[in-house]
Amino acid sequence: MPDGSFHPCERTGNVMPIGDVKAGIVPARVGRLQREFHDALTDRCRDCWALRLCGLCFAAQASCSDRTGAKVPPSALCEALCRTQERALTLVVRTLALPDERRAWLEATKVS
């Protein structure tokens, strides 16, 4: 940040300081941040089918902490992430089910 403080990423704002230019990154702050993130989401994520595909990060937690003081992002955010992963996986399955000549065309088409 302009004030010299370090944060996990630019999207977390000033909510999650983990050090500064003078002191460097403070391992205890990083550890606390990781524990808080894990503790906040363990119950919700434990049985989620999309756990290994999830894109939820410190920025989502920082965003809800900044606005509401909550440590757990709203369940609607998790549901939206799950729907996105489900759509992506559905597209993969549908693509793999295409006839060989159609898949060959897709594989030959370069994405820029």
Protein backbone atom coordinates (compact mmCIF):
# COMPACT_ATOMS: atom_id res chain seq x y z
CA MET A 1 0.00 0.00 0.00
CA PRO A 2 1.15 3.60 -0.39
CA ASP A 3 1.69 3.82 3.37
CA GLY A 4 4.29 1.02 3.21
CA SER A 5 2.09 -1.70 4.67
CA PHE A 6 2.03 -5.20 3.15
CA HIS A 7 -1.19 -7.14 2.53
CA PRO A 8 -1.89 -10.57 0.97
CA CYS A 9 -2.93 -8.91 -2.29
CA GLU A 10 -4.09 -5.59 -3.68
CA ARG A 11 -7.73 -6.68 -3.44
CA THR A 12 -7.71 -7.07 0.36
CA GLY A 13 -7.41 -3.33 0.93
CA ASN A 14 -6.24 -2.23 4.38
CA VAL A 15 -8.11 -4.96 6.26
CA MET A 16 -5.38 -7.61 6.43
CA PRO A 17 -1.95 -6.14 7.17
CA ILE A 18 0.85 -8.71 7.27
CA GLY A 19 3.79 -6.36 7.73
CA ASP A 20 5.38 -3.26 6.35
CA VAL A 21 8.41 -1.99 4.48
CA LYS A 22 10.45 -1.49 7.67
CA ALA A 23 9.62 -4.73 9.52
CA GLY A 24 9.05 -6.92 6.47
CA ILE A 25 6.46 -9.66 6.40
CA VAL A 26 5.57 -10.75 9.94
CA PRO A 27 5.18 -14.56 10.02
CA ALA A 28 2.87 -14.44 13.06
CA ARG A 29 0.44 -12.16 11.20
CA VAL A 30 0.48 -14.44 8.16
CA GLY A 31 -0.16 -17.47 10.37
CA ARG A 32 -3.03 -15.70 12.17
CA LEU A 33 -4.56 -14.69 8.84
CA GLN A 34 -4.35 -18.25 7.53
CA ARG A 35 -5.90 -19.66 10.74
CA GLU A 36 -8.73 -17.11 10.67
CA PHE A 37 -9.47 -17.90 7.02
CA HIS A 38 -9.41 -21.64 7.66
CA ASP A 39 -11.49 -21.40 10.85
CA ALA A 40 -14.08 -19.14 9.22
CA LEU A 41 -14.68 -21.50 6.30
CA THR A 42 -14.08 -24.99 7.71
CA ASP A 43 -17.69 -25.77 8.60
CA ARG A 44 -19.08 -24.48 5.31
CA CYS A 45 -16.44 -26.00 3.06
CA ARG A 46 -15.93 -29.37 4.69
CA ASP A 47 -18.56 -31.17 2.61
CA CYS A 48 -18.57 -28.94 -0.48
CA TRP A 49 -18.14 -30.87 -3.73
CA ALA A 50 -16.26 -27.92 -5.27
CA LEU A 51 -13.71 -27.52 -2.47
CA ARG A 52 -10.67 -28.30 -4.63
CA LEU A 53 -11.97 -26.06 -7.43
CA CYS A 54 -12.90 -23.11 -5.24
CA GLY A 55 -11.63 -19.64 -6.00
CA LEU A 56 -12.60 -18.11 -2.68
CA CYS A 57 -9.63 -16.20 -1.29
CA PHE A 58 -8.54 -13.66 1.28
CA ALA A 59 -9.99 -10.87 -0.87
CA ALA A 60 -13.52 -12.27 -0.45
CA GLN A 61 -13.02 -12.48 3.29
CA ALA A 62 -11.53 -8.97 3.40
CA SER A 63 -14.44 -7.61 1.41
CA CYS A 64 -17.06 -8.90 3.83
CA SER A 65 -14.93 -7.97 6.87
CA ASP A 66 -14.56 -4.43 5.58
CA ARG A 67 -18.30 -3.97 4.98
CA THR A 68 -19.92 -5.98 7.77
CA GLY A 69 -17.18 -7.06 10.18
CA ALA A 70 -18.03 -10.70 9.37
CA LYS A 71 -15.26 -13.22 8.89
CA VAL A 72 -17.27 -15.55 6.64
CA PRO A 73 -18.20 -14.52 3.11
CA PRO A 74 -21.95 -14.76 2.41
CA SER A 75 -23.21 -18.18 1.35
CA ALA A 76 -24.52 -16.61 -1.87
CA LEU A 77 -20.91 -16.07 -2.92
CA CYS A 78 -20.11 -19.73 -2.34
CA GLU A 79 -23.22 -20.79 -4.23
CA ALA A 80 -22.25 -18.58 -7.18
CA LEU A 81 -18.73 -20.06 -7.23
CA CYS A 82 -20.19 -23.58 -7.18
CA ARG A 83 -22.55 -22.76 -10.07
CA THR A 84 -19.62 -21.39 -12.08
CA GLN A 85 -17.60 -24.57 -11.51
CA GLU A 86 -20.60 -26.72 -12.34
CA ARG A 87 -21.10 -24.88 -15.66
CA ALA A 88 -17.42 -25.28 -16.51
CA LEU A 89 -17.42 -29.00 -15.74
CA THR A 90 -20.65 -29.48 -17.69
CA LEU A 91 -19.03 -27.82 -20.70
CA VAL A 92 -16.01 -30.12 -20.42
CA VAL A 93 -18.23 -33.22 -20.27
CA ARG A 94 -20.32 -32.02 -23.23
CA THR A 95 -17.17 -31.28 -25.21
CA LEU A 96 -15.72 -34.70 -24.49
CA ALA A 97 -18.99 -36.29 -25.65
CA LEU A 98 -18.78 -34.62 -29.09
CA PRO A 99 -17.97 -36.76 -32.11
CA ASP A 100 -14.25 -37.06 -32.82
CA GLU A 101 -14.29 -34.80 -35.89
CA ARG A 102 -15.94 -31.94 -33.95
CA ARG A 103 -13.52 -32.29 -31.06
CA ALA A 104 -10.62 -32.34 -33.53
CA TRP A 105 -11.82 -29.02 -34.94
CA LEU A 106 -11.98 -27.53 -31.43
CA GLU A 107 -8.53 -28.82 -30.58
CA ALA A 108 -7.11 -27.41 -33.82
CA THR A 109 -8.68 -23.99 -33.24
CA LYS A 110 -6.24 -21.66 -31.55
CA VAL A 111 -7.50 -19.38 -28.82
CA SER A 112 -5.73 -16.06 -28.72
